[in-house]
Protein backbone atom coordinates (compact mmCIF):
# COMPACT_ATOMS: atom_id res chain seq x y z
CA MET A 1 137.32 110.74 106.91
CA SER A 2 136.26 110.22 110.53
CA ILE A 3 135.37 106.71 111.68
CA TYR A 4 132.30 108.35 113.15
CA THR A 5 131.00 109.17 109.65
CA MET A 6 132.19 105.83 108.29
CA ARG A 7 130.01 104.17 110.92
CA THR A 8 126.87 105.29 109.10
CA LYS A 9 127.89 103.26 106.04
CA PHE A 10 128.66 100.24 108.18
CA GLY A 11 125.34 100.67 109.95
CA ALA A 12 123.48 100.04 106.72
CA GLY A 13 125.10 96.62 106.52
CA LEU A 14 124.10 95.86 110.08
CA LYS A 15 120.40 96.26 109.39
CA ILE A 16 120.28 92.50 109.30
CA ILE A 17 116.91 91.64 110.65
CA LEU A 18 115.57 94.51 112.67
CA PHE A 19 113.16 96.01 110.17
CA PHE A 20 110.82 97.28 112.85
CA ILE A 21 113.25 97.95 115.70
CA ALA A 22 113.26 101.70 115.31
CA VAL A 23 109.46 101.81 115.28
CA ILE A 24 107.70 102.35 118.60
CA PHE A 25 104.18 101.05 118.28
CA VAL A 26 102.17 103.23 120.59
CA LEU A 27 98.47 103.44 121.31
CA GLY A 28 96.25 102.41 118.45
CA ALA A 29 94.06 99.51 117.41
CA PHE A 30 91.15 100.70 119.55
CA TRP A 31 89.10 102.13 116.76
CA GLN A 32 87.18 99.15 115.44
CA PHE A 33 83.57 99.07 116.56
CA GLY A 34 83.78 95.91 118.59
CA GLY A 35 87.49 96.16 119.37
CA PRO A 36 90.32 94.34 117.57
CA SER A 37 90.61 90.61 117.30
CA ILE A 38 93.92 89.36 118.66
CA THR A 39 95.08 85.90 117.69
CA GLY A 40 98.78 86.11 118.51
CA ARG A 41 100.21 83.67 121.01
CA ASN A 42 100.59 84.87 124.61
CA ARG A 43 102.46 82.16 126.48
CA GLY A 44 102.50 81.69 130.23
CA SER A 45 100.71 83.27 133.17
CA SER A 46 99.82 86.95 132.73
CA ASP A 47 101.42 87.94 136.04
CA GLU A 48 104.56 85.88 135.45
CA VAL A 49 107.79 87.93 135.50
CA ILE A 50 109.59 87.70 132.15
CA VAL A 51 112.55 90.02 132.84
CA LYS A 52 114.05 92.11 135.65
CA VAL A 53 115.77 95.40 134.76
CA ASP A 54 117.96 96.60 137.63
CA GLY A 55 115.59 94.77 139.96
CA VAL A 56 112.41 96.24 138.40
CA GLU A 57 110.10 93.45 137.26
CA ILE A 58 108.36 93.38 133.89
CA SER A 59 105.37 91.02 133.81
CA ARG A 60 104.03 89.00 130.95
CA SER A 61 100.78 90.96 131.16
CA ALA A 62 102.71 94.20 130.55
CA PHE A 63 104.37 92.59 127.54
CA ASN A 64 101.08 91.20 126.23
CA ALA A 65 99.37 94.60 126.45
CA LYS A 66 102.15 96.27 124.43
CA TRP A 67 102.55 93.30 122.07
CA ASN A 68 98.84 93.06 121.24
CA THR A 69 98.70 96.76 120.41
CA ALA A 70 101.91 96.63 118.38
CA MET A 71 100.71 93.57 116.48
CA GLU A 72 97.35 95.12 115.64
CA ASN A 73 99.01 98.34 114.48
CA ALA A 74 101.40 96.33 112.31
CA LYS A 75 98.47 94.47 110.76
CA GLN A 76 96.80 97.77 109.93
CA GLN A 77 100.01 98.81 108.17
CA GLY A 78 99.81 95.68 105.99
CA VAL A 79 102.23 93.45 107.92
CA ILE A 80 101.44 89.73 107.81
CA SER A 81 104.77 87.91 107.57
CA LEU A 82 105.81 85.92 110.62
CA MET A 83 109.36 87.15 110.06
CA ALA A 84 108.24 90.77 110.22
CA PHE A 85 106.17 90.05 113.31
CA ALA A 86 109.26 88.59 114.95
CA ASP A 87 110.82 92.04 114.52
CA VAL A 88 107.72 93.68 115.97
CA ARG A 89 108.05 91.27 118.90
CA THR A 90 111.69 92.31 119.31
CA SER A 91 110.73 95.99 119.31
CA THR A 92 108.13 95.25 121.97
CA ILE A 93 110.48 93.65 124.50
CA VAL A 94 113.22 96.20 123.74
CA GLY A 95 110.69 99.01 124.21
CA LEU A 96 109.64 97.66 127.60
CA ILE A 97 113.23 97.31 128.79
CA GLN A 98 114.23 100.75 127.54
CA GLY A 99 111.01 102.26 128.89
CA THR A 100 111.76 100.84 132.33
CA ARG A 101 115.26 102.30 132.29
CA LEU A 102 113.94 105.60 130.92
CA GLN A 103 111.56 105.88 133.86
CA GLN A 104 114.48 105.45 136.27
CA ILE A 105 116.39 108.24 134.52
CA ALA A 106 113.32 110.49 134.44
CA ALA A 107 112.69 109.98 138.16
CA ASP A 108 116.32 110.97 138.88
CA MET A 109 115.73 114.16 136.86
CA GLY A 110 112.62 115.04 138.86
CA VAL A 111 109.98 114.16 136.25
CA ASP A 112 106.49 113.56 137.67
CA LEU A 113 105.57 109.91 137.04
CA SER A 114 102.96 109.61 139.78
CA GLN A 115 100.02 107.24 139.34
CA SER A 116 97.60 110.19 139.17
CA LYS A 117 99.60 111.58 136.22
CA VAL A 118 99.55 108.19 134.49
CA ASN A 119 95.81 107.79 135.10
CA ALA A 120 95.15 111.24 133.60
CA GLU A 121 97.03 110.25 130.42
CA ILE A 122 95.16 106.96 130.19
CA GLU A 123 91.89 108.87 130.48
CA LYS A 124 92.93 111.07 127.52
CA VAL A 125 93.64 107.98 125.42
CA VAL A 126 90.33 106.33 126.35
CA THR A 127 88.35 109.48 125.56
CA SER A 128 90.14 109.95 122.24
CA ALA A 129 89.48 106.31 121.31
CA LEU A 130 85.79 106.64 122.19
CA LYS A 131 85.56 109.77 120.01
CA SER A 132 87.12 107.91 117.10
CA ASN A 133 84.76 105.00 117.66
CA ARG A 134 81.80 107.38 117.76
CA LYS A 135 82.73 108.73 114.32
CA ILE A 136 82.72 105.19 112.95
CA ALA A 137 79.43 104.37 114.64
CA LEU A 138 77.58 107.57 113.65
CA GLY A 139 79.31 108.25 110.35
CA THR A 140 79.50 112.01 110.91
CA VAL A 141 79.76 114.09 114.08
CA ASP A 142 79.00 117.83 114.07
CA LYS A 143 81.14 120.40 115.93
CA ASP A 144 78.85 120.59 118.96
CA GLU A 145 78.71 116.80 119.29
CA GLU A 146 82.49 116.63 118.93
CA LYS A 147 82.84 118.65 122.13
CA THR A 148 80.55 116.23 123.99
CA ASP A 149 82.11 113.38 125.92
CA PRO A 150 81.04 110.20 124.07
CA ARG A 151 79.93 108.74 127.41
CA ASP A 152 77.25 111.48 127.55
CA ASP A 153 76.27 111.41 123.87
CA LYS A 154 72.72 110.01 123.53
CA LYS A 155 73.08 109.29 119.80
CA TYR A 156 76.26 107.31 120.40
CA ILE A 157 74.73 105.46 123.35
CA GLN A 158 71.75 104.48 121.17
CA SER A 159 73.99 103.34 118.29
CA LEU A 160 75.82 101.04 120.65
CA SER A 161 72.57 99.75 122.11
CA ASP A 162 71.42 98.83 118.59
CA VAL A 163 74.28 96.32 118.40
CA LYS A 164 73.81 95.13 121.98
CA ARG A 165 76.72 97.07 123.42
CA THR A 166 77.10 99.82 126.01
CA VAL A 167 79.52 102.71 126.40
CA LYS A 168 80.83 101.00 129.54
CA MET A 169 81.57 97.83 127.58
CA GLN A 170 83.32 99.87 124.89
CA GLU A 171 85.29 101.86 127.45
CA ASP A 172 86.36 98.77 129.41
CA GLU A 173 87.53 97.06 126.22
CA ILE A 174 89.58 100.09 125.20
CA ARG A 175 91.00 100.53 128.68
CA SER A 176 92.07 96.88 128.82
CA ARG A 177 94.17 97.46 125.71
CA VAL A 178 95.96 100.58 126.95
CA PRO A 179 99.50 99.52 127.98
CA GLU A 180 100.13 101.41 131.23
CA ALA A 181 103.88 100.76 131.01
CA GLU A 182 103.90 102.47 127.60
CA ILE A 183 101.98 105.45 128.95
CA LYS A 184 104.48 105.81 131.78
CA ALA A 185 107.44 105.50 129.41
CA ASN A 186 105.94 108.19 127.15
CA LEU A 187 105.49 110.50 130.14
CA ALA A 188 109.13 109.86 131.10
CA GLN A 189 110.29 110.66 127.58
CA GLN A 190 108.23 113.86 127.34
CA GLY A 191 109.40 114.96 130.79
CA ILE A 192 113.05 114.37 129.98
CA ILE A 193 112.75 116.32 126.70
CA GLU A 194 111.18 119.27 128.54
CA LYS A 195 113.95 119.21 131.16
CA ILE A 196 116.65 119.07 128.48
CA LYS A 197 115.07 121.88 126.44
CA GLY A 198 114.92 124.17 129.44
CA ALA A 199 118.51 123.44 130.47
CA CYS A 200 119.88 123.99 126.94
CA GLU A 201 118.20 127.36 126.50
CA LYS A 202 119.81 128.57 129.73
CA GLU A 203 123.22 127.16 128.82
CA ILE A 204 123.67 128.97 125.48
CA ASP A 205 124.64 132.60 126.10
CA ILE A 206 126.16 135.30 123.87
CA GLN A 207 129.72 134.09 124.52
CA SER A 208 128.72 130.57 123.46
CA VAL A 209 127.33 132.04 120.25
CA LYS A 210 130.58 133.89 119.51
CA ASP A 211 132.72 130.82 120.29
CA SER A 212 130.59 128.72 117.94
CA TYR A 213 132.11 130.48 114.91
CA LYS A 214 135.57 129.08 115.65
CA THR A 215 137.00 126.36 113.43
CA PHE A 216 139.43 123.90 115.02
CA SER A 217 141.95 122.27 112.69
CA ILE A 218 143.04 118.93 114.13
CA HIS A 219 144.96 115.75 113.42
CA GLN A 220 143.53 112.45 114.65
CA ILE A 221 144.69 108.97 115.61
CA PHE A 222 141.94 106.39 115.93
CA LEU A 223 142.34 102.93 117.49
CA GLN A 224 139.38 100.80 116.47
CA LYS A 225 137.54 98.84 119.13
CA GLY A 226 137.45 95.06 118.91
CA LYS A 227 140.92 94.24 117.61
CA VAL A 228 142.28 93.88 121.15
CA SER A 229 140.76 94.14 124.62
CA ASP A 230 139.63 97.55 125.89
CA ALA A 231 142.43 97.49 128.48
CA GLN A 232 145.07 96.82 125.81
CA LEU A 233 143.58 99.57 123.65
CA LEU A 234 143.86 102.06 126.51
CA THR A 235 147.45 101.03 127.22
CA LYS A 236 148.39 101.46 123.57
CA GLY A 237 146.69 104.87 123.51
CA LYS A 238 148.63 106.05 126.56
CA GLU A 239 151.93 104.92 124.97
CA ILE A 240 151.14 106.88 121.77
CA VAL A 241 150.25 110.00 123.78
CA LYS A 242 153.50 109.69 125.75
CA GLU A 243 155.54 109.51 122.53
CA ALA A 244 153.64 112.39 120.93
CA ARG A 245 154.06 114.69 123.92
CA ALA A 246 157.74 113.78 124.29
CA GLY A 247 158.34 114.83 120.69
CA THR A 248 160.32 111.71 119.80
CA LYS A 249 157.99 111.30 116.80
CA ASP A 250 155.70 113.83 115.18
CA PHE A 251 151.95 113.24 115.34
CA VAL A 252 151.54 112.34 111.65
CA SER A 253 154.24 109.66 111.91
CA LEU A 254 152.48 108.19 114.93
CA ALA A 255 149.19 108.23 113.01
CA ILE A 256 150.80 106.37 110.08
CA ALA A 257 152.14 103.73 112.44
CA ASN A 258 149.07 103.25 114.62
CA SER A 259 145.83 104.78 113.35
CA ASP A 260 142.94 102.83 111.81
CA LEU A 261 141.64 105.76 109.76
CA PRO A 262 141.93 105.54 105.95
CA ASP A 263 143.64 108.96 105.61
CA LYS A 264 146.22 108.31 108.35
CA ALA A 265 149.10 109.06 105.95
CA LYS A 266 148.18 112.73 106.31
CA GLY A 267 147.44 112.50 110.01
CA SER A 268 143.69 112.43 109.33
CA PRO A 269 143.21 116.22 109.18
CA LEU A 270 139.81 117.65 110.01
CA ASP A 271 138.37 121.14 110.33
CA TYR A 272 135.94 120.80 113.22
CA SER A 273 133.20 123.39 113.87
CA SER A 274 129.64 123.72 115.13
CA GLU A 275 128.34 123.03 111.62
CA LEU A 276 130.51 119.89 111.39
CA SER A 277 129.88 118.58 114.90
CA TYR A 278 128.62 115.29 113.41
CA MET A 279 132.17 114.52 112.19
CA LEU A 280 133.32 113.50 115.67
CA PRO A 281 131.66 111.65 118.54
CA PRO A 282 130.29 114.23 121.03
CA GLU A 283 132.72 113.23 123.78
CA VAL A 284 135.64 113.96 121.43
CA GLY A 285 134.24 117.23 120.10
CA LYS A 286 133.64 118.49 123.62
CA ILE A 287 137.33 118.06 124.45
CA VAL A 288 138.57 119.50 121.13
CA VAL A 289 136.91 122.89 121.68
CA GLY A 290 138.72 123.23 125.01
CA LEU A 291 142.24 122.57 123.65
CA LYS A 292 145.07 125.06 123.13
CA VAL A 293 147.02 125.07 119.85
CA GLY A 294 149.61 122.28 119.84
CA GLN A 295 147.98 120.44 122.74
CA ILE A 296 147.47 116.66 122.52
CA THR A 297 144.57 114.96 124.27
CA ASP A 298 144.69 111.97 126.56
CA PRO A 299 143.14 108.83 124.97
CA ILE A 300 139.40 109.47 124.55
CA LYS A 301 137.23 106.36 124.82
CA THR A 302 134.14 106.19 122.57
CA ASP A 303 131.68 103.49 121.48
CA PHE A 304 133.74 102.96 118.33
CA GLY A 305 137.25 102.98 119.77
CA THR A 306 139.85 105.36 121.18
CA TYR A 307 140.69 108.80 119.79
CA ILE A 308 143.84 110.85 120.26
CA VAL A 309 143.67 114.40 118.89
CA GLN A 310 146.22 117.18 118.33
CA LEU A 311 144.96 120.73 117.86
CA VAL A 312 146.84 122.39 114.97
CA SER A 313 145.13 125.79 114.76
CA ILE A 314 142.04 127.82 115.60
CA LYS A 315 140.38 130.21 113.16
CA ASP A 316 137.73 132.68 114.30
CA LYS A 317 135.12 133.13 111.56
CA LEU A 318 132.74 135.55 113.24
CA PRO A 319 130.48 137.03 110.51
CA ALA A 320 130.83 140.71 109.62
CA LYS A 321 127.12 141.21 110.19
CA PHE A 322 126.64 140.02 113.75
CA ASP A 323 123.20 141.50 114.47
CA THR A 324 120.27 140.33 116.61
CA LYS A 325 118.76 138.27 113.80
CA THR A 326 122.08 136.44 113.23
CA ILE A 327 122.58 135.85 116.94
CA ASP A 328 119.05 134.48 117.43
CA ALA A 329 119.36 132.11 114.46
CA ARG A 330 122.76 130.91 115.65
CA LYS A 331 121.53 130.43 119.20
CA LYS A 332 118.60 128.36 117.94
CA MET A 333 121.00 126.11 116.03
CA LEU A 334 123.30 125.73 119.05
CA VAL A 335 120.39 124.92 121.35
CA GLN A 336 119.26 122.20 118.93
CA ASN A 337 122.81 120.78 118.71
CA LEU A 338 123.12 120.78 122.50
CA GLN A 339 119.73 119.09 122.84
CA MET A 340 120.89 116.35 120.47
CA THR A 341 124.05 115.88 122.52
CA LYS A 342 122.09 115.63 125.75
CA VAL A 343 119.62 113.20 124.18
CA ARG A 344 122.59 111.03 123.14
CA ASP A 345 123.78 111.20 126.75
CA ILE A 346 120.37 109.94 127.87
CA GLN A 347 120.56 107.15 125.29
CA LYS A 348 123.90 106.11 126.78
CA GLN A 349 122.39 106.16 130.24
CA MET A 350 119.64 103.89 128.94
CA ASP A 351 122.33 101.37 128.05
CA ASP A 352 123.74 101.60 131.55
CA ILE A 353 121.70 98.70 132.92
CA LYS A 354 123.57 97.13 135.80
CA THR A 355 121.63 93.88 135.82
CA ILE A 356 119.17 92.42 133.34
CA GLU A 357 117.76 89.02 134.19
CA PHE A 358 115.59 87.21 131.66
CA LYS A 359 113.11 84.56 132.77
CA ASP A 360 112.06 83.77 129.20
CA ASN A 361 114.72 82.56 126.78
CA GLU A 362 112.86 83.70 123.67
CA PHE A 363 113.01 87.32 124.85
CA LYS A 364 116.62 86.91 125.88
CA PHE A 365 117.51 85.79 122.35
CA LEU A 366 115.59 88.61 120.67
CA TYR A 367 117.22 91.17 122.95
CA ASP A 368 120.70 89.69 122.41
CA VAL A 369 120.27 89.93 118.63
CA TYR A 370 119.09 93.54 118.94
CA ASN A 371 122.11 94.42 121.09
CA VAL A 372 124.57 92.81 118.70
CA THR A 373 123.06 94.59 115.70
CA ARG A 374 123.29 97.91 117.48
CA LYS A 375 126.69 97.62 119.14
CA ALA A 376 128.89 95.53 116.85
CA THR A 377 131.99 97.33 115.59
CA SER A 378 132.27 95.41 112.30
CA MET A 379 130.43 92.78 110.28
CA GLN A 380 132.92 90.19 111.52
CA ASP A 381 132.26 91.20 115.10
CA ALA A 382 128.50 91.13 114.46
CA ASN A 383 128.62 87.61 113.01
CA THR A 384 130.78 86.36 115.88
CA GLN A 385 128.40 87.78 118.48
CA LEU A 386 125.31 86.55 116.62
CA ALA A 387 126.79 83.04 116.51
CA LYS A 388 127.24 83.18 120.30
CA ALA A 389 123.65 84.35 120.71
CA CYS A 390 122.42 81.40 118.61
CA SER A 391 124.56 78.96 120.57
CA THR A 392 123.25 80.28 123.89
CA PHE A 393 119.70 80.13 122.58
CA GLU A 394 120.09 76.49 121.58
CA SER A 395 121.66 75.65 124.94
CA ASP A 396 118.96 77.46 126.90
CA PHE A 397 116.13 75.53 125.30
CA LYS A 398 117.92 72.21 125.70
CA LEU A 399 118.32 72.98 129.40
CA ASN A 400 114.64 73.75 129.70
CA GLN A 401 113.68 70.47 128.09
CA ALA A 402 115.95 68.56 130.47
CA ALA A 403 114.56 70.46 133.43
CA ASP A 404 111.07 69.10 132.77
CA LYS A 405 112.26 65.64 133.84
CA SER A 406 114.52 66.71 136.67
CA LYS A 407 113.24 66.53 140.23
CA ASP A 408 115.97 68.94 141.28
CA LYS A 409 114.77 71.67 138.93
CA LYS A 410 111.03 71.82 139.52
CA ASP A 411 111.09 75.61 139.42
CA GLU A 412 112.47 75.68 135.88
CA VAL A 413 109.83 77.15 133.55
CA LYS A 414 108.85 75.00 130.59
CA GLN A 415 109.03 77.11 127.44
CA GLY A 416 107.89 76.11 123.97
CA LEU A 417 109.90 77.48 121.07
CA SER A 418 107.49 79.94 119.41
CA ASP A 419 107.29 80.38 115.67
CA PHE A 420 108.38 84.00 116.11
CA ALA A 421 111.61 82.86 117.74
CA LYS A 422 112.11 80.16 115.10
CA ALA A 423 111.76 82.70 112.30
CA LYS A 424 114.28 85.06 113.91
CA TYR A 425 116.63 82.18 114.72
CA ALA A 426 116.55 80.94 111.11
CA GLN A 427 117.14 84.45 109.80
CA VAL A 428 120.17 84.95 112.04
CA LEU A 429 121.56 81.54 111.07
CA ALA A 430 121.28 82.52 107.41
CA GLN A 431 123.00 85.85 108.12
CA ILE A 432 126.01 84.25 109.82
CA GLY A 433 126.47 81.56 107.17
CA GLN A 434 125.09 78.55 109.07
CA THR A 435 123.14 77.62 105.95
CA GLN A 436 122.26 74.01 106.69
CA LYS A 437 120.85 74.82 110.12
CA ALA A 438 118.77 77.63 108.65
CA ILE A 439 117.47 75.31 105.91
CA THR A 440 116.41 72.72 108.49
CA ILE A 441 114.45 75.25 110.55
CA LEU A 442 112.83 76.99 107.55
CA SER A 443 111.95 73.72 105.81
CA GLN A 444 109.91 72.65 108.82
CA MET A 445 108.11 75.99 108.83
CA VAL A 446 107.30 76.59 105.16
CA MET A 447 107.56 73.35 103.13
CA GLY A 448 105.11 70.50 102.67
CA ALA A 449 101.83 69.49 104.28
CA GLY A 450 103.26 69.82 107.80
CA ALA A 451 104.39 73.42 107.33
CA THR A 452 103.63 75.46 110.45
CA SER A 453 104.09 79.01 109.15
CA PRO A 454 104.13 79.36 105.34
CA SER A 455 104.83 82.88 104.10
CA ALA A 456 106.18 84.39 100.90
CA ASP A 457 109.28 86.05 102.33
CA MET A 458 110.33 82.98 104.31
CA SER A 459 109.88 80.74 101.25
CA LYS A 460 112.00 83.19 99.25
CA MET A 461 114.72 83.11 101.90
CA LEU A 462 114.68 79.31 101.98
CA GLY A 463 114.96 79.27 98.20
CA ASP A 464 118.01 81.55 98.36
CA LEU A 465 119.62 79.17 100.86
CA PHE A 466 118.96 76.21 98.57
CA VAL A 467 120.68 78.16 95.76
CA GLN A 468 123.72 78.55 98.01
CA ASN A 469 123.65 74.77 98.51
CA LYS A 470 123.29 74.26 94.74
CA GLU A 471 119.93 72.48 95.29
CA ILE A 472 118.30 74.24 92.36
CA ASP A 473 115.12 72.14 92.08
CA LYS A 474 114.27 72.81 95.73
CA ALA A 475 115.04 76.50 95.25
CA VAL A 476 112.62 76.68 92.30
CA LYS A 477 109.88 75.00 94.38
CA CYS A 478 110.39 77.58 97.17
CA TYR A 479 110.34 80.49 94.72
CA GLN A 480 107.12 79.19 93.17
CA ASP A 481 105.55 78.80 96.63
CA ALA A 482 106.60 82.37 97.42
CA SER A 483 104.99 83.59 94.19
CA ASP A 484 101.74 81.79 95.05
CA MET A 485 101.58 83.63 98.40
CA ALA A 486 103.00 87.03 97.43
CA ARG A 487 99.85 88.44 95.78
CA PHE A 488 100.33 92.26 95.68
CA ASP A 489 103.87 92.31 97.12
CA ILE A 490 105.56 93.70 94.00
CA ASN A 491 109.01 94.11 95.57
CA LEU A 492 109.10 90.47 96.63
CA ARG A 493 108.01 89.40 93.14
CA LYS A 494 110.84 91.46 91.63
CA SER A 495 113.30 89.70 93.93
CA LEU A 496 111.93 86.38 92.64
CA VAL A 497 112.69 87.52 89.08
CA ASP A 498 116.28 88.17 90.14
CA GLY A 499 116.42 84.77 91.85
CA TYR A 500 115.19 82.93 88.77
CA LYS A 501 117.72 84.73 86.58
CA LYS A 502 120.52 83.86 88.98
CA ILE A 503 119.84 80.13 88.54
CA GLY A 504 119.38 80.39 84.78
CA ARG A 505 115.58 79.97 84.74
CA ASN A 506 114.80 82.86 82.43
CA ASP A 507 111.49 81.18 81.51
CA LEU A 508 110.27 81.45 85.09
CA ALA A 509 111.69 84.96 85.39
CA ALA A 510 109.63 85.95 82.33
CA ALA A 511 106.49 84.33 83.78
CA GLU A 512 106.98 86.20 87.06
CA THR A 513 107.53 89.45 85.16
CA THR A 514 104.19 88.89 83.41
CA LEU A 515 102.56 88.31 86.80
CA ILE A 516 104.08 91.56 88.11
CA ALA A 517 102.53 93.50 85.23
CA LYS A 518 99.15 91.88 85.97
CA LYS A 519 99.38 92.68 89.71
CA GLU A 520 100.43 96.26 89.03
CA SER A 521 97.43 96.64 86.73
CA ASP A 522 95.16 95.17 89.41
CA ILE A 523 96.56 97.66 91.94
CA LYS A 524 95.80 100.61 89.64
CA ILE A 525 92.25 99.36 89.10
CA TRP A 526 91.81 98.91 92.85
CA GLU A 527 93.20 102.38 93.62
CA LYS A 528 90.91 103.98 91.06
CA LYS A 529 87.88 102.13 92.41
CA ASN A 530 88.78 102.86 96.05
CA LYS A 531 89.89 106.47 95.56
CA GLY A 532 93.62 106.01 95.93
CA SER A 533 93.84 103.44 98.71
CA ALA A 534 96.14 100.56 97.79
CA PRO A 535 94.99 96.95 98.22
CA ALA A 536 96.15 95.33 101.43
CA LEU A 537 99.04 92.89 101.36
CA PRO A 538 97.77 90.06 103.51
CA GLY A 539 98.45 87.43 100.90
CA GLN A 540 101.68 86.09 102.34
CA ASN A 541 99.75 83.59 104.40
CA PRO A 542 96.28 82.83 103.01
CA SER A 543 95.64 80.12 105.61
CA PRO A 544 97.25 81.08 108.92
CA VAL A 545 97.47 78.35 111.53
CA PRO A 546 95.46 79.44 114.61
CA GLY A 547 97.70 80.31 117.53
CA GLN A 548 100.87 80.37 115.45
CA MET A 549 100.52 83.13 112.87
CA PRO A 550 99.24 86.56 113.87
């Protein structure tokens, strides 16, 4: 088995806390008649720089625009937990950083990102939002009215006037919520995809189609990243290649002695082809198809470690029926594979940020955690790097507090530790086994009269930590608090049943099971009454603290 395919299994274990990271929250939340109500905390001056990406500044106002939209969209999807919103917050700052880098790449590729182009896209969004709002205001819109710009629709204008609003007010409110940075990033992404698609279609010719039917039988040696320094790994790889090419030891013997693959005793054999391109990292596969039988590669550096490959044989499996239909279908597949490879190349370029300078330590921490989760080579490596991120985070905020009293550091920005950051910090501490620290943070947030951010999932997590500490009475209290707030969150309730059983409280497990049956019945009644729509799940925090919980 290739380490490249093994990585997918490991990746599942690394989904520690980034529930929303893969989600890009784009334009929404404009559809309510009077515009959405935003209660999330936006700290600092709106034109304050929060991060520089290769010298390009990202302002707090740019973050707030994207964050407010993302938060409102998440609410509409039923998100209420502070912990989940911390992940939305992470996706927001990551999206801004990646979007900035993407724009640089797009500009290098000749994509049009002019202000006139951006303004035209914003206008499309505003018009679409006004049309959606018109449907809500009027109830129904016929086909002829649908073609009319809402700004010229007399019925719509009158409906707004009836509630003391104007189209201009509605338009300005929508426009203020359109994140220009997001629009520009979307244009960059679309432009890059178009450029890639055009290039790939030109690159795949009839010879490429014929070559794609070849199967390359190889042996592999893999040196996993992280055990030694990259320089030492490269040196070791060169020594193995030297021995293999000299013939002092056969390739399989060298694999047995050095490789980190589970099937190294057989030399990690693999039949590599276009259909099985996912079995090797693209940079390795690209070299394999250019080898001659018996040839051994130089060390090939990848994100996972270093590969050394020997080509054993090549088999040509060109189909007997090689007609136009077969060729066209094959070409389509090859174009798609090549597009994926080029997209991965772009993703690597997005990581190639020469300098990233954070002015806000909360965002630095969230970004560090995201990077660790994405790039760690093992769970041990992930936990080590996450511990460093926590340590830096603690140090950064201590420095900021000291700076408030220092005459020599008047320029140091005072930063309060937001509840979003606290939730993420506590979650990471729990992940890396710093149980007592996590308990201290979570206890302040969810327990007692002074709790700042009570929520069902955080109470459940705190209860689990108390179980680890063998503080069973406290765990039960947390589980009961979680149950009180969970309302229609059936999955969380089921996890409470498991928690109660784990500590031997089968009576409470039975009571929670009864509650689950009642809630499931309530959901069915609700769905029947409301024609299939499920009840919202806002019950994790029935009394949010203004300015702290979204």
